Amino acid sequence: MSSSQIINSSNIDEFGRDMSLRKPKTTKNNSCVSRFKGMAWSDICDFIEEEEERSKNIYEEKKRQEELVVFRKIHAERKLLFQIGEYELEEGEELDM
């Protein structure tokens, strides 16, 4: 058995390092490359634009939901104040009872 076979069989490189202790190389760049591997440049651009559009829509929907909660709170406060006579309706304003 040659020395290179002994080194390879025990998983130690030529410098005496145990290669079984080494972490596999995974970086963010490798994941991006594998994500777009085999795609044409125009497909990559379209994919990224669609992804940005989806995240923008999610952000806008979340913002709209937060505004709706605030408006419902204001409406409930005005309704309560109107019932006890502390709030006057403006012209054209209606409170559903």
Protein backbone atom coordinates (compact mmCIF):
# COMPACT_ATOMS: atom_id res chain seq x y z
CA MET A 1 0.00 0.00 0.00
CA SER A 2 1.46 3.36 -1.00
CA SER A 3 1.52 6.43 1.22
CA SER A 4 -1.09 8.22 -0.91
CA GLN A 5 -3.55 5.34 -0.41
CA ILE A 6 -3.00 5.47 3.34
CA ILE A 7 -3.55 9.24 3.35
CA ASN A 8 -6.75 8.98 1.32
CA SER A 9 -8.13 6.04 3.24
CA SER A 10 -7.74 7.77 6.61
CA ASN A 11 -9.14 11.06 5.27
CA ILE A 12 -5.96 13.05 6.02
CA ASP A 13 -4.48 15.29 3.33
CA GLU A 14 -0.82 15.66 2.45
CA PHE A 15 -0.36 18.35 5.09
CA GLY A 16 -1.66 16.15 7.91
CA ARG A 17 -5.10 17.80 8.21
CA ASP A 18 -8.14 15.65 8.92
CA MET A 19 -10.50 16.41 6.05
CA SER A 20 -13.52 14.87 7.81
CA LEU A 21 -13.52 17.86 10.20
CA ARG A 22 -13.76 20.39 7.39
CA LYS A 23 -17.13 22.05 6.81
CA PRO A 24 -18.59 21.72 3.33
CA LYS A 25 -18.24 24.86 1.26
CA THR A 26 -21.64 26.51 1.04
CA THR A 27 -21.81 30.20 0.48
CA LYS A 28 -24.51 32.61 -0.48
CA ASN A 29 -23.00 32.95 -3.93
CA ASN A 30 -23.21 29.20 -4.51
CA SER A 31 -26.89 29.18 -3.57
CA CYS A 32 -27.59 32.09 -5.94
CA VAL A 33 -25.70 30.41 -8.73
CA SER A 34 -27.54 27.14 -8.23
CA ARG A 35 -30.83 29.03 -8.01
CA PHE A 36 -30.42 30.54 -11.47
CA LYS A 37 -28.43 27.72 -13.03
CA GLY A 38 -29.67 26.86 -16.51
CA MET A 39 -31.77 30.01 -16.85
CA ALA A 40 -31.37 32.58 -19.59
CA TRP A 41 -30.50 36.14 -18.62
CA SER A 42 -33.94 37.42 -19.59
CA ASP A 43 -35.59 34.67 -17.49
CA ILE A 44 -33.47 35.66 -14.50
CA CYS A 45 -34.45 39.32 -14.92
CA ASP A 46 -38.14 38.41 -15.24
CA PHE A 47 -37.94 36.18 -12.17
CA ILE A 48 -36.33 38.93 -10.08
CA GLU A 49 -38.89 41.51 -11.23
CA GLU A 50 -41.75 39.17 -10.35
CA GLU A 51 -40.20 38.48 -6.96
CA GLU A 52 -39.87 42.24 -6.28
CA GLU A 53 -43.48 42.77 -7.36
CA ARG A 54 -44.70 40.02 -5.00
CA SER A 55 -42.79 41.49 -2.06
CA LYS A 56 -44.13 44.98 -2.91
CA ASN A 57 -47.70 43.63 -3.00
CA ILE A 58 -47.21 41.88 0.34
CA TYR A 59 -45.87 45.11 1.87
CA GLU A 60 -48.77 47.16 0.49
CA GLU A 61 -51.35 44.61 1.71
CA LYS A 62 -49.81 44.64 5.19
CA LYS A 63 -49.84 48.45 5.21
CA ARG A 64 -53.47 48.48 4.07
CA GLN A 65 -54.44 46.05 6.85
CA GLU A 66 -52.71 48.24 9.45
CA GLU A 67 -54.55 51.33 8.16
CA LEU A 68 -57.85 49.44 8.26
CA VAL A 69 -57.29 48.58 11.92
CA VAL A 70 -56.60 52.26 12.72
CA PHE A 71 -59.71 53.42 10.83
CA ARG A 72 -61.89 50.85 12.60
CA LYS A 73 -60.58 52.06 15.96
CA ILE A 74 -61.32 55.69 15.05
CA HIS A 75 -64.80 54.71 13.83
CA ALA A 76 -65.53 52.83 17.07
CA GLU A 77 -64.39 55.81 19.15
CA ARG A 78 -66.57 58.24 17.17
CA LYS A 79 -69.53 55.89 17.41
CA LEU A 80 -69.17 55.68 21.19
CA LEU A 81 -68.76 59.44 21.54
CA PHE A 82 -71.81 60.04 19.31
CA GLN A 83 -73.94 57.72 21.44
CA ILE A 84 -73.11 59.65 24.62
CA GLY A 85 -73.54 63.01 22.86
CA GLU A 86 -69.90 64.07 22.82
CA TYR A 87 -69.46 63.95 19.04
CA GLU A 88 -71.31 65.86 16.33
CA LEU A 89 -71.56 64.44 12.84
CA GLU A 90 -70.11 66.56 10.10
CA GLU A 91 -72.11 67.29 6.96
CA GLY A 92 -72.50 64.07 4.96
CA GLU A 93 -70.92 61.92 7.68
CA GLU A 94 -72.76 58.76 8.66
CA LEU A 95 -72.12 56.31 11.46
CA ASP A 96 -73.64 52.89 11.03
CA MET A 97 -75.31 51.84 14.24
